[in-house]
Amino acid sequence: MTTVDPLAQWEQPLRPWRWAYAFIDAAQLVSMVAVLAFVFLVDESYKAWAYTGAAAIVLLELAQWALAREALRRIPGLSGQLAVLYSSLPLDHRQRRHVTSSLVLFAVVPALLVVTVSTISSDSERVIAAVLTCVAMGPGFLSLYRVRRHNSWLAVSRLGGRPRHPPQGS
């Protein structure tokens, strides 16, 4: 029994878009680590770098959104096939529970970090640190939210990844 890959015909045209998307992901990861390090590990004189990193994360997230939108526009019919792909590998109840608990952690961890780190003294510094931490963790939250919304790990990227193995039962 052969399994038809719903993305097979779009794999070649989609490849450069995925590479660009992955490059932006890597830059976001570096920026996230930098923001968290500058907020929680260095003294006040380097906090401007935390703002720069947070701005970079937001701009990179907007760039990813625009890139995915343009890829979906240039490759007609792809967005409909992504829904088919997502439904071919749905989350089971344990995975869905894991994604839900991870989303809750993404909401709670910034507050816990800001409250427990002793280098942040004033209330205004705590608010700024909380906002910067939320911005730094935002792309991860959005990825998990897409996974939950589409009920598939393949939705972690806006461009939908191909399954590494054929869907079960096909």
Protein backbone atom coordinates (compact mmCIF):
# COMPACT_ATOMS: atom_id res chain seq x y z
CA MET A 1 0.00 0.00 0.00
CA THR A 2 1.50 3.32 -1.06
CA THR A 3 0.93 6.49 0.86
CA VAL A 4 0.47 9.70 -1.09
CA ASP A 5 2.34 12.62 0.44
CA PRO A 6 0.04 15.67 0.24
CA LEU A 7 3.04 18.02 0.02
CA ALA A 8 5.10 16.09 -2.53
CA GLN A 9 4.33 18.37 -5.47
CA TRP A 10 5.11 21.49 -3.44
CA GLU A 11 8.30 20.26 -1.82
CA GLN A 12 10.71 21.77 -4.37
CA PRO A 13 9.06 25.23 -4.61
CA LEU A 14 8.66 25.32 -0.81
CA ARG A 15 12.27 24.41 0.02
CA PRO A 16 13.83 27.93 -0.31
CA TRP A 17 11.00 29.37 1.78
CA ARG A 18 11.63 26.78 4.50
CA TRP A 19 15.36 27.54 4.48
CA ALA A 20 14.68 31.25 4.97
CA TYR A 21 12.16 30.41 7.69
CA ALA A 22 14.71 28.19 9.46
CA PHE A 23 17.36 30.92 9.26
CA ILE A 24 14.96 33.36 10.91
CA ASP A 25 14.19 30.73 13.57
CA ALA A 26 17.90 30.42 14.37
CA ALA A 27 18.26 34.20 14.64
CA GLN A 28 15.23 34.30 16.95
CA LEU A 29 16.73 31.63 19.17
CA VAL A 30 19.99 33.58 19.52
CA SER A 31 18.02 36.75 20.27
CA MET A 32 15.91 34.93 22.86
CA VAL A 33 18.94 33.64 24.71
CA ALA A 34 20.51 37.11 24.56
CA VAL A 35 17.40 38.81 25.93
CA LEU A 36 17.09 36.38 28.82
CA ALA A 37 20.81 36.68 29.58
CA PHE A 38 20.75 40.49 29.49
CA VAL A 39 17.60 40.70 31.61
CA PHE A 40 18.61 38.23 34.31
CA LEU A 41 22.39 37.84 34.29
CA VAL A 42 24.04 41.20 33.64
CA ASP A 43 24.03 44.55 35.33
CA GLU A 44 21.91 47.57 34.45
CA SER A 45 24.41 49.09 32.00
CA TYR A 46 23.75 46.30 29.48
CA LYS A 47 19.93 46.37 29.63
CA ALA A 48 19.76 48.31 26.34
CA TRP A 49 20.94 45.12 24.64
CA ALA A 50 17.90 43.34 26.07
CA TYR A 51 15.65 45.93 24.41
CA THR A 52 17.53 45.51 21.14
CA GLY A 53 17.15 41.73 21.31
CA ALA A 54 13.43 42.00 22.09
CA ALA A 55 12.95 44.35 19.14
CA ALA A 56 14.84 41.90 16.93
CA ILE A 57 12.59 39.04 18.07
CA VAL A 58 9.45 41.00 17.22
CA LEU A 59 10.83 42.05 13.83
CA LEU A 60 11.94 38.51 13.04
CA GLU A 61 8.51 37.16 14.01
CA LEU A 62 6.90 39.67 11.65
CA ALA A 63 9.37 38.66 8.94
CA GLN A 64 8.45 34.99 9.42
CA TRP A 65 4.78 35.79 9.22
CA ALA A 66 5.30 37.80 6.01
CA LEU A 67 7.54 35.10 4.53
CA ALA A 68 4.99 32.35 5.23
CA ARG A 69 2.17 34.47 3.87
CA GLU A 70 4.12 35.16 0.68
CA ALA A 71 5.03 31.47 0.28
CA LEU A 72 1.40 30.45 0.67
CA ARG A 73 0.37 33.12 -1.83
CA ARG A 74 2.96 32.08 -4.43
CA ILE A 75 2.23 28.37 -4.18
CA PRO A 76 -1.49 28.07 -4.97
CA GLY A 77 -3.40 25.30 -3.24
CA LEU A 78 -0.76 24.79 -0.56
CA SER A 79 -2.81 26.13 2.34
CA GLY A 80 -5.56 23.58 1.66
CA GLN A 81 -3.02 20.78 1.55
CA LEU A 82 -1.58 21.88 4.90
CA ALA A 83 -4.95 21.16 6.51
CA VAL A 84 -4.90 17.68 4.95
CA LEU A 85 -1.34 17.17 6.17
CA TYR A 86 -2.18 18.26 9.72
CA SER A 87 -5.17 15.95 9.87
CA SER A 88 -3.01 13.04 8.69
CA LEU A 89 -0.90 13.13 11.88
CA PRO A 90 -3.09 14.41 14.73
CA LEU A 91 -1.94 14.66 18.32
CA ASP A 92 -3.06 11.92 20.64
CA HIS A 93 -4.58 12.86 24.01
CA ARG A 94 -1.22 12.68 25.84
CA GLN A 95 0.49 14.93 23.30
CA ARG A 96 -2.39 17.39 23.41
CA ARG A 97 -2.18 17.47 27.21
CA HIS A 98 1.59 18.03 26.92
CA VAL A 99 1.07 20.96 24.52
CA THR A 100 -1.58 22.45 26.81
CA SER A 101 0.64 22.20 29.89
CA SER A 102 3.53 23.72 27.94
CA LEU A 103 1.33 26.66 26.93
CA VAL A 104 0.41 27.17 30.59
CA LEU A 105 4.11 27.08 31.51
CA PHE A 106 4.85 29.70 28.85
CA ALA A 107 2.33 31.91 30.62
CA VAL A 108 3.61 31.23 34.16
CA VAL A 109 7.40 31.02 33.76
CA PRO A 110 8.02 34.72 32.96
CA ALA A 111 6.23 35.74 36.15
CA LEU A 112 8.12 33.17 38.22
CA LEU A 113 11.46 34.27 36.77
CA VAL A 114 10.79 37.93 37.45
CA VAL A 115 9.61 37.28 41.01
CA THR A 116 12.45 34.94 41.99
CA VAL A 117 15.48 36.62 40.42
CA SER A 118 17.12 38.74 43.08
CA THR A 119 18.96 41.13 40.72
CA ILE A 120 15.69 42.87 39.86
CA SER A 121 14.90 45.26 42.66
CA SER A 122 12.22 47.82 41.78
CA ASP A 123 8.68 47.19 40.61
CA SER A 124 9.26 49.03 37.35
CA GLU A 125 12.29 46.82 36.63
CA ARG A 126 10.14 43.76 37.32
CA VAL A 127 7.47 44.92 34.86
CA ILE A 128 10.09 45.62 32.18
CA ALA A 129 11.76 42.26 32.82
CA ALA A 130 8.39 40.50 32.59
CA VAL A 131 7.58 42.19 29.28
CA LEU A 132 11.01 41.41 27.82
CA THR A 133 10.76 37.79 28.98
CA CYS A 134 7.31 37.44 27.42
CA VAL A 135 8.61 38.88 24.15
CA ALA A 136 11.59 36.50 24.24
CA MET A 137 9.33 33.51 24.81
CA GLY A 138 6.63 34.69 22.39
CA PRO A 139 7.76 32.79 19.27
CA GLY A 140 7.83 29.50 21.18
CA PHE A 141 4.38 30.19 22.58
CA LEU A 142 3.03 30.99 19.11
CA SER A 143 4.50 27.78 17.69
CA LEU A 144 2.89 25.68 20.41
CA TYR A 145 -0.37 27.55 19.96
CA ARG A 146 -0.33 26.63 16.24
CA VAL A 147 0.32 23.00 17.18
CA ARG A 148 -2.65 23.03 19.56
CA ARG A 149 -4.93 24.87 17.14
CA HIS A 150 -4.17 22.53 14.21
CA ASN A 151 -3.87 19.46 16.49
CA SER A 152 -0.60 18.34 14.84
CA TRP A 153 3.12 18.69 15.56
CA LEU A 154 3.53 19.43 11.85
CA ALA A 155 2.00 22.87 12.48
CA VAL A 156 4.94 24.01 14.60
CA SER A 157 6.02 26.04 11.56
CA ARG A 158 3.68 28.28 9.59
CA LEU A 159 4.81 26.47 6.45
CA GLY A 160 4.01 23.00 7.74
CA GLY A 161 6.71 20.39 7.85
CA ARG A 162 6.58 17.07 6.08
CA PRO A 163 6.15 13.99 8.25
CA ARG A 164 9.31 11.94 8.70
CA HIS A 165 7.28 8.78 8.41
CA PRO A 166 4.06 7.99 6.56
CA PRO A 167 0.81 8.53 8.48
CA GLN A 168 -0.43 5.44 10.31
CA GLY A 169 -3.39 3.70 8.79
CA SER A 170 -3.02 5.26 5.32
